[in-house]
Amino acid sequence: MNYISLTGSLLNISSENKNIRYIKYVRTYKDKKGIFQEDIFPCMWWTRDSNNELFSLQDNSYVAVSGRIERYEHEFIIVIELLEYLGIKR
């Protein structure tokens, strides 16, 4: 089964591929220095175009996404099948 679900903040659109947008996930635990680590994931809407709600939301929008992991142009991305807007993360 290939399924992923995460909540995070929307970041910028990829400069190399305008169909990819990044999501920042902040881990729920601190490292040895007491800092929350974060991960950045490349994401693409399931239709593989940029004319959808993923690209209509502003940066730092907090969203919940679910989908699958696929290999796309020599990297792994999250293909979003469902996106829910949760507000602006400040």
N, C-alpha and C. Protein backbone atom coordinates (compact mmCIF):
# COMPACT_ATOMS: atom_id res chain seq x y z
N MET A 1 0.84 -1.17 0.00
CA MET A 1 0.00 0.00 0.00
C MET A 1 0.89 1.24 0.00
N ASN A 2 0.60 2.17 -0.85
CA ASN A 2 1.35 3.40 -0.97
C ASN A 2 0.42 4.56 -0.63
N TYR A 3 0.46 5.02 0.63
CA TYR A 3 -0.44 6.07 1.09
C TYR A 3 0.31 6.95 2.07
N ILE A 4 0.16 8.27 1.92
CA ILE A 4 0.78 9.21 2.84
C ILE A 4 -0.24 10.27 3.23
N SER A 5 -0.17 10.69 4.48
CA SER A 5 -1.04 11.75 4.99
C SER A 5 -0.20 12.62 5.90
N LEU A 6 -0.23 13.94 5.68
CA LEU A 6 0.54 14.83 6.53
C LEU A 6 -0.09 16.21 6.57
N THR A 7 0.25 16.96 7.61
CA THR A 7 -0.14 18.36 7.72
C THR A 7 1.12 19.19 7.72
N GLY A 8 1.05 20.33 7.07
CA GLY A 8 2.22 21.19 6.99
C GLY A 8 1.87 22.52 6.36
N SER A 9 2.90 23.35 6.20
CA SER A 9 2.75 24.68 5.63
C SER A 9 3.21 24.68 4.18
N LEU A 10 2.42 25.30 3.32
CA LEU A 10 2.80 25.42 1.92
C LEU A 10 3.94 26.41 1.76
N LEU A 11 4.90 26.04 0.95
CA LEU A 11 6.02 26.90 0.65
C LEU A 11 5.95 27.32 -0.82
N ASN A 12 7.06 27.71 -1.34
CA ASN A 12 7.15 28.21 -2.70
C ASN A 12 6.93 27.14 -3.76
N ILE A 13 6.78 27.60 -4.99
CA ILE A 13 6.67 26.73 -6.15
C ILE A 13 8.08 26.48 -6.67
N SER A 14 8.33 25.29 -7.13
CA SER A 14 9.65 24.92 -7.64
C SER A 14 10.06 25.82 -8.79
N SER A 15 11.31 26.23 -8.80
CA SER A 15 11.80 27.07 -9.89
C SER A 15 12.08 26.24 -11.14
N GLU A 16 12.35 24.94 -10.98
CA GLU A 16 12.63 24.08 -12.13
C GLU A 16 11.37 23.50 -12.76
N ASN A 17 10.34 23.25 -11.96
CA ASN A 17 9.12 22.63 -12.45
C ASN A 17 7.92 23.33 -11.82
N LYS A 18 7.18 24.07 -12.60
CA LYS A 18 6.06 24.87 -12.09
C LYS A 18 4.87 24.04 -11.65
N ASN A 19 4.93 22.71 -11.80
CA ASN A 19 3.86 21.83 -11.34
C ASN A 19 4.14 21.26 -9.96
N ILE A 20 5.26 21.65 -9.35
CA ILE A 20 5.64 21.14 -8.03
C ILE A 20 5.64 22.28 -7.03
N ARG A 21 5.05 22.03 -5.88
CA ARG A 21 5.06 22.99 -4.76
C ARG A 21 5.56 22.24 -3.54
N TYR A 22 6.23 22.96 -2.66
CA TYR A 22 6.82 22.33 -1.48
C TYR A 22 5.94 22.51 -0.25
N ILE A 23 5.96 21.50 0.61
CA ILE A 23 5.26 21.53 1.89
C ILE A 23 6.30 21.30 2.99
N LYS A 24 6.25 22.15 4.01
CA LYS A 24 7.16 22.02 5.15
C LYS A 24 6.42 21.34 6.30
N TYR A 25 7.03 20.27 6.79
CA TYR A 25 6.51 19.52 7.93
C TYR A 25 7.46 19.72 9.10
N VAL A 26 6.95 20.20 10.23
CA VAL A 26 7.75 20.37 11.44
C VAL A 26 7.55 19.14 12.31
N ARG A 27 8.65 18.48 12.64
CA ARG A 27 8.58 17.26 13.44
C ARG A 27 8.03 17.55 14.83
N THR A 28 7.46 16.54 15.47
CA THR A 28 6.79 16.72 16.76
C THR A 28 7.73 16.59 17.95
N TYR A 29 9.01 16.40 17.69
CA TYR A 29 9.98 16.25 18.77
C TYR A 29 11.20 17.13 18.49
N LYS A 30 11.93 17.43 19.56
CA LYS A 30 13.12 18.29 19.45
C LYS A 30 14.38 17.44 19.33
N ASP A 31 15.40 18.00 18.71
CA ASP A 31 16.68 17.30 18.62
C ASP A 31 17.47 17.52 19.91
N LYS A 32 18.72 17.10 19.95
CA LYS A 32 19.55 17.21 21.16
C LYS A 32 19.80 18.65 21.57
N LYS A 33 19.68 19.57 20.62
CA LYS A 33 19.89 20.99 20.91
C LYS A 33 18.60 21.70 21.31
N GLY A 34 17.49 20.96 21.36
CA GLY A 34 16.21 21.54 21.75
C GLY A 34 15.49 22.26 20.63
N ILE A 35 15.82 21.93 19.39
CA ILE A 35 15.23 22.59 18.22
C ILE A 35 14.34 21.61 17.48
N PHE A 36 13.16 22.08 17.07
CA PHE A 36 12.28 21.26 16.24
C PHE A 36 12.86 21.21 14.82
N GLN A 37 13.10 20.02 14.32
CA GLN A 37 13.59 19.85 12.96
C GLN A 37 12.41 19.89 11.99
N GLU A 38 12.70 20.20 10.75
CA GLU A 38 11.63 20.24 9.75
C GLU A 38 12.08 19.54 8.47
N ASP A 39 11.11 19.05 7.74
CA ASP A 39 11.35 18.38 6.47
C ASP A 39 10.58 19.12 5.39
N ILE A 40 11.16 19.17 4.20
CA ILE A 40 10.53 19.82 3.05
C ILE A 40 10.25 18.74 2.01
N PHE A 41 8.98 18.64 1.59
CA PHE A 41 8.57 17.61 0.63
C PHE A 41 8.07 18.25 -0.66
N PRO A 42 8.55 17.78 -1.82
CA PRO A 42 7.97 18.25 -3.08
C PRO A 42 6.62 17.56 -3.31
N CYS A 43 5.65 18.35 -3.75
CA CYS A 43 4.30 17.82 -3.96
C CYS A 43 3.77 18.24 -5.32
N MET A 44 2.88 17.42 -5.85
CA MET A 44 2.26 17.69 -7.13
C MET A 44 0.80 17.26 -7.04
N TRP A 45 -0.09 18.03 -7.65
CA TRP A 45 -1.49 17.66 -7.70
C TRP A 45 -1.65 16.46 -8.62
N TRP A 46 -2.60 15.61 -8.39
CA TRP A 46 -2.74 14.35 -9.12
C TRP A 46 -2.94 14.55 -10.62
N THR A 47 -3.45 15.70 -11.05
CA THR A 47 -3.63 15.96 -12.49
C THR A 47 -2.34 16.39 -13.17
N ARG A 48 -1.30 16.65 -12.38
CA ARG A 48 0.02 17.04 -12.87
C ARG A 48 0.02 18.37 -13.61
N ASP A 49 -0.88 19.28 -13.20
CA ASP A 49 -0.84 20.63 -13.75
C ASP A 49 -0.88 21.62 -12.59
N SER A 50 -0.73 22.90 -12.89
CA SER A 50 -0.67 23.91 -11.83
C SER A 50 -1.95 24.73 -11.74
N ASN A 51 -3.02 24.28 -12.38
CA ASN A 51 -4.28 25.00 -12.35
C ASN A 51 -5.22 24.30 -11.36
N ASN A 52 -4.94 24.45 -10.05
CA ASN A 52 -5.73 23.78 -9.03
C ASN A 52 -5.56 24.49 -7.70
N GLU A 53 -6.22 23.99 -6.66
CA GLU A 53 -6.21 24.68 -5.37
C GLU A 53 -4.84 24.64 -4.68
N LEU A 54 -4.00 23.68 -4.98
CA LEU A 54 -2.66 23.63 -4.39
C LEU A 54 -1.88 24.91 -4.72
N PHE A 55 -2.08 25.43 -5.90
CA PHE A 55 -1.34 26.60 -6.34
C PHE A 55 -2.11 27.90 -6.14
N SER A 56 -3.38 27.82 -5.75
CA SER A 56 -4.16 29.03 -5.50
C SER A 56 -4.02 29.53 -4.06
N LEU A 57 -3.52 28.69 -3.16
CA LEU A 57 -3.34 29.09 -1.76
C LEU A 57 -2.03 29.84 -1.59
N GLN A 58 -2.03 30.77 -0.65
CA GLN A 58 -0.82 31.57 -0.44
C GLN A 58 0.22 30.80 0.39
N ASP A 59 1.46 31.28 0.34
CA ASP A 59 2.54 30.70 1.13
C ASP A 59 2.16 30.74 2.61
N ASN A 60 2.64 29.77 3.36
CA ASN A 60 2.38 29.59 4.80
C ASN A 60 0.96 29.16 5.11
N SER A 61 0.18 28.80 4.09
CA SER A 61 -1.14 28.22 4.36
C SER A 61 -0.91 26.85 4.99
N TYR A 62 -1.64 26.58 6.07
CA TYR A 62 -1.53 25.30 6.75
C TYR A 62 -2.54 24.35 6.13
N VAL A 63 -2.08 23.21 5.65
CA VAL A 63 -2.95 22.28 4.93
C VAL A 63 -2.74 20.85 5.43
N ALA A 64 -3.75 20.04 5.20
CA ALA A 64 -3.66 18.59 5.40
C ALA A 64 -3.76 17.98 4.01
N VAL A 65 -2.82 17.10 3.69
CA VAL A 65 -2.83 16.45 2.38
C VAL A 65 -2.77 14.94 2.55
N SER A 66 -3.32 14.25 1.57
CA SER A 66 -3.16 12.81 1.51
C SER A 66 -2.97 12.44 0.05
N GLY A 67 -2.24 11.37 -0.15
CA GLY A 67 -1.95 10.95 -1.51
C GLY A 67 -1.00 9.77 -1.51
N ARG A 68 -0.10 9.78 -2.49
CA ARG A 68 0.83 8.66 -2.64
C ARG A 68 2.20 9.19 -3.02
N ILE A 69 3.20 8.35 -2.85
CA ILE A 69 4.57 8.70 -3.22
C ILE A 69 4.86 8.09 -4.59
N GLU A 70 5.41 8.91 -5.48
CA GLU A 70 5.78 8.44 -6.81
C GLU A 70 7.16 8.97 -7.17
N ARG A 71 7.79 8.27 -8.07
CA ARG A 71 9.06 8.75 -8.63
C ARG A 71 8.71 9.60 -9.85
N TYR A 72 9.22 10.82 -9.88
CA TYR A 72 8.92 11.76 -10.96
C TYR A 72 10.20 12.51 -11.32
N GLU A 73 10.65 12.34 -12.54
CA GLU A 73 11.86 13.02 -13.04
C GLU A 73 13.04 12.90 -12.06
N HIS A 74 13.38 11.69 -11.70
CA HIS A 74 14.57 11.35 -10.89
C HIS A 74 14.47 11.77 -9.43
N GLU A 75 13.28 12.03 -8.91
CA GLU A 75 13.12 12.30 -7.49
C GLU A 75 11.76 11.77 -7.03
N PHE A 76 11.63 11.58 -5.74
CA PHE A 76 10.37 11.13 -5.18
C PHE A 76 9.54 12.34 -4.80
N ILE A 77 8.26 12.32 -5.14
CA ILE A 77 7.34 13.40 -4.81
C ILE A 77 6.09 12.81 -4.18
N ILE A 78 5.32 13.67 -3.53
CA ILE A 78 4.01 13.29 -3.02
C ILE A 78 2.98 13.75 -4.05
N VAL A 79 2.21 12.82 -4.56
CA VAL A 79 1.12 13.14 -5.48
C VAL A 79 -0.13 13.31 -4.63
N ILE A 80 -0.62 14.54 -4.57
CA ILE A 80 -1.74 14.88 -3.69
C ILE A 80 -3.06 14.51 -4.35
N GLU A 81 -3.84 13.72 -3.64
CA GLU A 81 -5.17 13.35 -4.11
C GLU A 81 -6.26 14.10 -3.36
N LEU A 82 -5.95 14.54 -2.13
CA LEU A 82 -6.92 15.27 -1.32
C LEU A 82 -6.17 16.34 -0.54
N LEU A 83 -6.68 17.57 -0.58
CA LEU A 83 -6.07 18.68 0.13
C LEU A 83 -7.15 19.41 0.92
N GLU A 84 -6.87 19.69 2.19
CA GLU A 84 -7.80 20.43 3.02
C GLU A 84 -7.10 21.64 3.61
N TYR A 85 -7.65 22.81 3.37
CA TYR A 85 -7.09 24.05 3.89
C TYR A 85 -7.44 24.18 5.38
N LEU A 86 -6.41 24.44 6.22
CA LEU A 86 -6.63 24.52 7.67
C LEU A 86 -6.41 25.92 8.22
N GLY A 87 -5.99 26.86 7.39
CA GLY A 87 -5.78 28.24 7.84
C GLY A 87 -4.37 28.70 7.54
N ILE A 88 -4.03 29.87 8.08
CA ILE A 88 -2.69 30.44 7.89
C ILE A 88 -1.86 30.15 9.13
N LYS A 89 -0.68 29.59 8.94
CA LYS A 89 0.25 29.29 10.04
C LYS A 89 1.10 30.52 10.29
N ARG A 90 1.07 31.02 11.49
CA ARG A 90 1.84 32.23 11.83
C ARG A 90 2.99 31.90 12.73
